[in-house]
């Protein structure tokens, strides 16, 4: 979720402003809105926007400035949504109600234009990110101290990717799959035994792979870790997109969930890719075969109708917990197109 949050430091001097930016960078934020007078060089991968007297400019000084629109009533919202050109950006600051109007704006824009909204405080950010499960493309939030950055991060950890479409699918086969590159995802959070990542070979169906909060007779618990699967696998991110496990980097926010329960965002501390013996699990999803490749080890557990079971103890016929997602994706984002995954 932090990928859509724009930190707007509000500080009395340059040193205080820089302290807010430094803390935000440490917490994984990469988008900033700075006053024209600020002298903060950008780092690789960052997006720096500038607030001018007439609006917000993203990019170099040659880029156009987008005005900030104040909206307090339905008629003004309707006019602004209708009047925003395809491919343009609408930046909204609410002067009255903010949640329902934002949901209306998200519903009306479709994919026509980019929608930014300005939050009044960190507490307003989760609702702005989650409106109608999609939220605004960017949420600008004023931050007045490094401590507020920490508070914002704690609020975002409770943001989920919306209502997950949980289902149970029948395991039809489990068989050796030779050596493969498996990915350990070590997070910066302590995970409960029933929490885990959503992973699979096809974006249409992701299986619940549990954390290593429970060890084995020969290994200690690693409650920050998920032995997530083969490098090619999709994993669900905190913002609802998918990414290949091999693409994860320190600082990324992934979604950890309890089957049919709560979900939260946690940050990746590191990943470790090693070549290990693998097994492939095949499940029946409404007569479609879906797979997940996992390391063959007693500490790798998937969630089932009988609780969390090690892959070494799984047998065909067991019901596995999984989440169904839109199939078609472009760079991890769901799109409307015809696609078949095998």
Protein backbone atom coordinates (compact mmCIF):
# COMPACT_ATOMS: atom_id res chain seq x y z
CA UNK A 1 0.00 0.00 0.00
CA UNK A 2 2.89 2.40 0.64
CA UNK A 3 3.53 2.43 -3.13
CA UNK A 4 0.47 4.68 -3.52
CA UNK A 5 1.17 6.97 -0.56
CA UNK A 6 2.79 10.36 -1.19
CA UNK A 7 4.51 11.80 1.88
CA UNK A 8 4.08 15.59 2.11
CA UNK A 9 6.43 16.79 4.88
CA UNK A 10 5.27 19.88 6.76
CA UNK A 11 8.18 21.27 8.76
CA UNK A 12 9.37 24.69 9.98
CA UNK A 13 12.86 24.34 8.50
CA UNK A 14 14.94 22.34 6.05
CA UNK A 15 16.55 20.13 8.69
CA UNK A 16 13.19 19.06 10.10
CA UNK A 17 11.86 18.39 6.62
CA UNK A 18 14.88 16.27 5.77
CA UNK A 19 14.44 14.27 9.00
CA UNK A 20 10.88 13.38 7.95
CA UNK A 21 12.03 12.34 4.48
CA UNK A 22 14.87 10.24 5.90
CA UNK A 23 12.52 8.41 8.27
CA UNK A 24 10.03 7.83 5.46
CA UNK A 25 12.78 6.37 3.27
CA UNK A 26 13.80 4.04 6.09
CA UNK A 27 10.18 2.85 6.29
CA UNK A 28 10.03 2.10 2.57
CA UNK A 29 8.14 5.14 1.26
CA UNK A 30 9.30 6.25 -2.17
CA UNK A 31 6.92 9.06 -3.16
CA UNK A 32 7.17 12.61 -1.83
CA UNK A 33 5.46 15.97 -2.32
CA UNK A 34 7.87 18.78 -1.46
CA UNK A 35 7.59 22.56 -1.44
CA UNK A 36 9.35 24.40 -4.26
CA UNK A 37 11.93 25.72 -1.81
CA UNK A 38 12.98 22.26 -0.59
CA UNK A 39 16.40 20.94 -1.52
CA UNK A 40 16.09 17.17 -1.22
CA UNK A 41 17.80 15.15 -3.96
CA UNK A 42 15.82 12.13 -5.13
CA UNK A 43 17.11 8.58 -4.88
CA UNK A 44 16.80 5.94 -7.62
CA UNK A 45 13.25 4.64 -7.86
CA UNK A 46 11.69 7.63 -6.10
CA UNK A 47 8.93 9.90 -7.38
CA UNK A 48 9.31 13.53 -6.34
CA UNK A 49 6.40 15.91 -6.85
CA UNK A 50 6.52 19.64 -6.16
CA UNK A 51 3.72 21.71 -4.69
CA UNK A 52 3.48 25.10 -6.32
CA UNK A 53 1.13 28.02 -5.78
CA UNK A 54 -1.11 26.67 -8.55
CA UNK A 55 -1.07 22.92 -7.86
CA UNK A 56 1.21 19.88 -8.06
CA UNK A 57 3.90 19.12 -10.61
CA UNK A 58 5.33 15.64 -11.00
CA UNK A 59 8.71 15.34 -12.71
CA UNK A 60 10.94 18.04 -14.14
CA UNK A 61 10.25 21.77 -14.24
CA UNK A 62 9.03 21.40 -17.83
CA UNK A 63 6.12 19.19 -16.77
CA UNK A 64 2.68 20.81 -16.45
CA UNK A 65 1.19 21.68 -13.07
CA UNK A 66 -2.05 19.91 -12.14
CA UNK A 67 -4.41 22.06 -10.07
CA UNK A 68 -5.83 20.85 -6.76
CA UNK A 69 -9.62 20.81 -6.90
CA UNK A 70 -11.69 21.42 -3.76
CA UNK A 71 -14.93 19.40 -3.72
CA UNK A 72 -17.72 19.82 -1.20
CA UNK A 73 -20.87 18.76 -3.05
CA UNK A 74 -22.11 16.14 -5.57
CA UNK A 75 -22.55 18.64 -8.42
CA UNK A 76 -18.93 19.77 -8.26
CA UNK A 77 -17.71 16.17 -8.10
CA UNK A 78 -19.82 15.23 -11.12
CA UNK A 79 -18.54 18.18 -13.11
CA UNK A 80 -14.91 17.47 -12.30
CA UNK A 81 -15.16 13.76 -13.09
CA UNK A 82 -16.94 14.44 -16.37
CA UNK A 83 -14.52 17.22 -17.27
CA UNK A 84 -11.30 15.27 -16.69
CA UNK A 85 -9.78 14.13 -19.98
CA UNK A 86 -8.81 10.52 -20.61
CA UNK A 87 -5.25 9.92 -19.43
CA UNK A 88 -5.19 13.10 -17.33
CA UNK A 89 -4.91 13.44 -13.54
CA UNK A 90 -7.57 14.72 -11.16
CA UNK A 91 -6.27 15.85 -7.75
CA UNK A 92 -9.04 16.24 -5.17
CA UNK A 93 -9.10 17.85 -1.75
CA UNK A 94 -12.33 17.18 0.15
CA UNK A 95 -13.84 20.02 2.16
CA UNK A 96 -16.77 18.00 3.54
CA UNK A 97 -17.58 14.31 3.28
CA UNK A 98 -14.60 12.33 1.97
CA UNK A 99 -15.28 8.55 2.00
CA UNK A 100 -18.50 8.22 -0.01
CA UNK A 101 -17.49 10.94 -2.50
CA UNK A 102 -14.19 9.16 -3.10
CA UNK A 103 -16.00 5.87 -3.69
CA UNK A 104 -18.22 7.66 -6.22
CA UNK A 105 -15.17 9.12 -7.96
CA UNK A 106 -13.44 5.72 -8.10
CA UNK A 107 -16.57 4.12 -9.56
CA UNK A 108 -17.09 6.86 -12.16
CA UNK A 109 -13.54 7.21 -13.44
CA UNK A 110 -13.14 3.53 -14.46
CA UNK A 111 -9.68 3.47 -16.00
CA UNK A 112 -10.06 6.79 -17.80
CA UNK A 113 -7.82 8.99 -15.69
CA UNK A 114 -5.55 9.00 -12.64
CA UNK A 115 -7.12 10.01 -9.33
CA UNK A 116 -5.17 11.64 -6.52
CA UNK A 117 -6.70 12.59 -3.19
CA UNK A 118 -5.29 14.63 -0.34
CA UNK A 119 -5.80 13.14 3.13
CA UNK A 120 -6.16 15.40 6.13
CA UNK A 121 -4.06 13.14 8.38
CA UNK A 122 -2.46 9.67 8.48
CA UNK A 123 -5.68 8.27 9.99
CA UNK A 124 -7.55 9.04 6.77
CA UNK A 125 -5.12 7.16 4.53
CA UNK A 126 -6.48 3.57 4.88
CA UNK A 127 -9.98 4.59 3.75
CA UNK A 128 -8.52 6.52 0.82
CA UNK A 129 -6.49 3.50 -0.29
CA UNK A 130 -9.32 1.02 0.12
CA UNK A 131 -12.33 2.83 -1.35
CA UNK A 132 -14.29 0.28 -3.43
CA UNK A 133 -11.28 -2.08 -2.97
CA UNK A 134 -9.23 0.06 -5.39
CA UNK A 135 -8.93 3.52 -3.83
CA UNK A 136 -7.08 6.48 -5.26
CA UNK A 137 -4.01 6.08 -7.45
CA UNK A 138 -2.11 8.38 -5.09
CA UNK A 139 -2.96 9.50 -1.56
CA UNK A 140 -1.10 12.63 -0.43
CA UNK A 141 -0.72 12.76 3.35
CA UNK A 142 0.75 15.64 5.39
CA UNK A 143 3.40 14.44 7.84
CA UNK A 144 4.64 16.77 10.55
CA UNK A 145 7.25 14.64 12.35
CA UNK A 146 9.25 11.43 12.01
CA UNK A 147 6.95 9.88 14.64
CA UNK A 148 3.98 10.45 12.33
CA UNK A 149 5.80 8.40 9.69
CA UNK A 150 5.93 5.50 12.14
CA UNK A 151 2.23 5.91 12.91
CA UNK A 152 1.38 5.95 9.22
CA UNK A 153 3.30 2.72 8.67
CA UNK A 154 1.44 1.02 11.52
CA UNK A 155 -1.88 2.09 9.99
CA UNK A 156 -0.90 0.73 6.59
CA UNK A 157 0.01 -2.64 8.09
CA UNK A 158 -3.69 -3.11 8.80
CA UNK A 159 -4.76 -2.30 5.27
CA UNK A 160 -5.75 -5.35 3.21
CA UNK A 161 -6.27 -5.93 -0.48
CA UNK A 162 -10.04 -5.96 -0.01
CA UNK A 163 -12.31 -8.94 0.44
CA UNK A 164 -10.41 -12.05 -0.60
CA UNK A 165 -12.41 -14.69 -2.48
CA UNK A 166 -11.47 -17.72 -0.39
CA UNK A 167 -12.39 -21.20 -1.57
CA UNK A 168 -11.38 -24.79 -0.95
CA UNK A 169 -9.93 -26.80 -3.82
CA UNK A 170 -9.26 -30.53 -3.93
CA UNK A 171 -5.67 -31.75 -4.10
CA UNK A 172 -5.59 -34.23 -6.97
CA UNK A 173 -1.89 -35.04 -7.13
CA UNK A 174 1.44 -34.40 -5.43
CA UNK A 175 4.60 -35.57 -7.12
CA UNK A 176 8.36 -34.89 -7.18
CA UNK A 177 9.41 -32.02 -9.46
CA UNK A 178 13.20 -32.32 -9.38
CA UNK A 179 15.52 -29.53 -8.31
CA UNK A 180 14.33 -25.95 -8.52
CA UNK A 181 15.05 -22.48 -7.19
CA UNK A 182 12.82 -21.87 -4.19
CA UNK A 183 12.36 -18.48 -2.55
CA UNK A 184 12.43 -17.86 1.20
CA UNK A 185 10.60 -14.65 2.09
CA UNK A 186 11.91 -13.22 5.36
CA UNK A 187 9.68 -10.40 6.60
CA UNK A 188 10.32 -7.67 9.15
CA UNK A 189 7.28 -8.83 11.16
CA UNK A 190 6.60 -11.72 13.50
CA UNK A 191 3.99 -13.93 11.84
CA UNK A 192 1.52 -16.18 13.61
CA UNK A 193 1.39 -19.89 12.72
CA UNK A 194 -1.90 -19.44 10.85
CA UNK A 195 -0.64 -16.50 8.78
CA UNK A 196 0.98 -16.99 5.41
CA UNK A 197 1.47 -15.79 1.86
CA UNK A 198 -0.78 -16.41 -1.13
CA UNK A 199 1.26 -18.10 -3.85
CA UNK A 200 0.64 -20.08 -7.03
CA UNK A 201 1.69 -20.84 -10.59
CA UNK A 202 -1.39 -19.09 -12.00
CA UNK A 203 -2.67 -15.69 -10.92
CA UNK A 204 -6.24 -17.04 -11.08
CA UNK A 205 -5.73 -19.17 -7.95
CA UNK A 206 -3.22 -18.64 -5.17
CA UNK A 207 -2.64 -21.19 -2.40
CA UNK A 208 -2.07 -20.34 1.26
CA UNK A 209 1.50 -21.19 2.28
CA UNK A 210 1.90 -20.90 6.05
CA UNK A 211 4.71 -19.21 7.94
CA UNK A 212 7.49 -21.12 9.69
CA UNK A 213 6.25 -19.94 13.10
CA UNK A 214 6.13 -23.63 13.97
CA UNK A 215 9.40 -25.50 13.57
CA UNK A 216 10.00 -29.22 13.43
CA UNK A 217 11.73 -31.80 15.61
CA UNK A 218 15.01 -30.91 13.92
CA UNK A 219 14.61 -27.15 13.30
CA UNK A 220 13.71 -24.09 15.34
CA UNK A 221 10.74 -21.85 14.47
CA UNK A 222 11.37 -18.95 12.11
CA UNK A 223 8.24 -16.84 12.76
CA UNK A 224 9.30 -14.11 10.33
CA UNK A 225 9.66 -16.50 7.37
CA UNK A 226 7.57 -18.10 4.64
CA UNK A 227 9.20 -20.74 2.45
CA UNK A 228 6.99 -19.53 -0.36
CA UNK A 229 7.71 -21.64 -3.42
CA UNK A 230 9.44 -21.74 -6.78
CA UNK A 231 10.91 -18.62 -8.32
CA UNK A 232 8.34 -18.40 -11.12
CA UNK A 233 5.37 -18.30 -8.74
CA UNK A 234 3.02 -15.39 -8.29
CA UNK A 235 2.66 -13.86 -4.82
CA UNK A 236 -0.08 -11.44 -3.74
CA UNK A 237 1.19 -7.99 -2.77
CA UNK A 238 -0.38 -5.70 -0.18
CA UNK A 239 -1.85 -3.44 -2.86
CA UNK A 240 -3.69 -6.30 -4.57
CA UNK A 241 -1.26 -6.71 -7.45
CA UNK A 242 0.82 -9.83 -8.03
CA UNK A 243 4.54 -10.19 -8.51
CA UNK A 244 6.87 -13.08 -9.24
CA UNK A 245 8.59 -14.38 -6.12
CA UNK A 246 11.96 -13.91 -7.82
CA UNK A 247 11.23 -10.18 -8.21
CA UNK A 248 10.68 -9.44 -4.51
CA UNK A 249 13.11 -7.05 -2.85
CA UNK A 250 13.71 -5.73 0.63
CA UNK A 251 11.14 -3.06 1.45
CA UNK A 252 8.33 -4.52 -0.69
CA UNK A 253 4.94 -4.90 1.02
CA UNK A 254 3.33 -8.32 0.71
CA UNK A 255 -0.04 -9.47 1.98
CA UNK A 256 -0.11 -12.06 4.74
CA UNK A 257 -3.46 -13.60 5.54
CA UNK A 258 -5.26 -16.06 7.75
CA UNK A 259 -7.46 -18.43 5.70
CA UNK A 260 -11.00 -17.03 5.61
CA UNK A 261 -9.88 -14.41 8.14
CA UNK A 262 -7.89 -11.23 8.59
CA UNK A 263 -5.12 -9.98 6.32
CA UNK A 264 -2.41 -7.38 6.75
CA UNK A 265 0.55 -5.88 4.95
CA UNK A 266 4.08 -6.75 6.06
CA UNK A 267 7.38 -5.64 4.67
CA UNK A 268 9.97 -7.91 3.06
CA UNK A 269 13.30 -7.81 4.88
CA UNK A 270 15.14 -10.02 2.41
CA UNK A 271 14.65 -12.97 0.14
CA UNK A 272 16.89 -16.00 -0.18
CA UNK A 273 16.88 -18.15 -3.30
CA UNK A 274 18.44 -21.60 -3.11
CA UNK A 275 18.28 -24.72 -5.25
CA UNK A 276 16.31 -27.44 -3.47
CA UNK A 277 14.25 -30.60 -4.23
CA UNK A 278 10.72 -29.57 -5.16
CA UNK A 279 7.26 -31.10 -5.29
CA UNK A 280 4.35 -29.93 -7.41
CA UNK A 281 0.84 -29.86 -5.94
CA UNK A 282 -2.04 -30.03 -8.42
CA UNK A 283 -5.55 -29.04 -7.36
CA UNK A 284 -8.90 -29.05 -9.11
CA UNK A 285 -10.46 -25.58 -9.39
CA UNK A 286 -13.84 -26.04 -11.10
CA UNK A 287 -12.29 -28.59 -13.50
CA UNK A 288 -9.18 -26.48 -14.08
CA UNK A 289 -5.84 -27.84 -12.91
CA UNK A 290 -3.95 -25.33 -10.74
CA UNK A 291 -0.45 -25.92 -9.41
CA UNK A 292 2.04 -24.70 -6.87
CA UNK A 293 5.70 -25.78 -6.67
CA UNK A 294 7.11 -25.99 -3.13
CA UNK A 295 10.29 -27.20 -1.49
CA UNK A 296 9.97 -30.77 -0.29
CA UNK A 297 10.54 -30.22 3.43
CA UNK A 298 8.73 -30.85 6.71
CA UNK A 299 8.77 -27.12 7.57
CA UNK A 300 6.82 -26.15 4.42
CA UNK A 301 3.13 -26.22 5.27
CA UNK A 302 -0.02 -25.39 3.34
CA UNK A 303 -3.41 -24.63 4.85
CA UNK A 304 -6.08 -27.32 4.46
CA UNK A 305 -9.46 -28.38 5.81
CA UNK A 306 -7.52 -30.21 8.54
CA UNK A 307 -5.27 -27.29 9.45
CA UNK A 308 -1.71 -26.64 8.33
CA UNK A 309 -0.07 -29.77 6.90
CA UNK A 310 3.53 -30.27 5.80
CA UNK A 311 3.92 -30.99 2.10
CA UNK A 312 5.71 -34.21 3.03
CA UNK A 313 2.49 -35.45 4.71
CA UNK A 314 -0.04 -34.32 2.09
CA UNK A 315 -2.15 -36.86 0.24
CA UNK A 316 -4.57 -36.49 -2.71
CA UNK A 317 -8.14 -35.76 -1.70
CA UNK A 318 -7.22 -33.15 0.90
CA UNK A 319 -8.99 -29.76 0.57
CA UNK A 320 -6.59 -26.82 0.27
CA UNK A 321 -7.29 -23.19 1.16
CA UNK A 322 -6.86 -20.86 -1.79
CA UNK A 323 -7.91 -17.46 -3.11
CA UNK A 324 -9.36 -16.81 -6.53
CA UNK A 325 -8.22 -13.66 -8.36
CA UNK A 326 -8.91 -12.09 -11.76
CA UNK A 327 -6.88 -14.07 -14.30
CA UNK A 328 -5.75 -11.38 -16.74
CA UNK A 329 -2.87 -9.25 -15.48
CA UNK A 330 -0.42 -6.78 -16.95
CA UNK A 331 2.71 -6.21 -14.88
CA UNK A 332 0.86 -7.67 -11.91
CA UNK A 333 -2.24 -5.47 -12.20
CA UNK A 334 -5.62 -6.98 -13.06
CA UNK A 335 -6.85 -6.01 -16.55
CA UNK A 336 -9.83 -6.95 -18.68
CA UNK A 337 -8.64 -9.22 -21.49
CA UNK A 338 -8.93 -12.79 -22.66
CA UNK A 339 -6.21 -15.02 -21.22
CA UNK A 340 -5.68 -18.67 -20.37
CA UNK A 341 -3.14 -19.88 -17.82
CA UNK A 342 -1.92 -23.47 -17.83
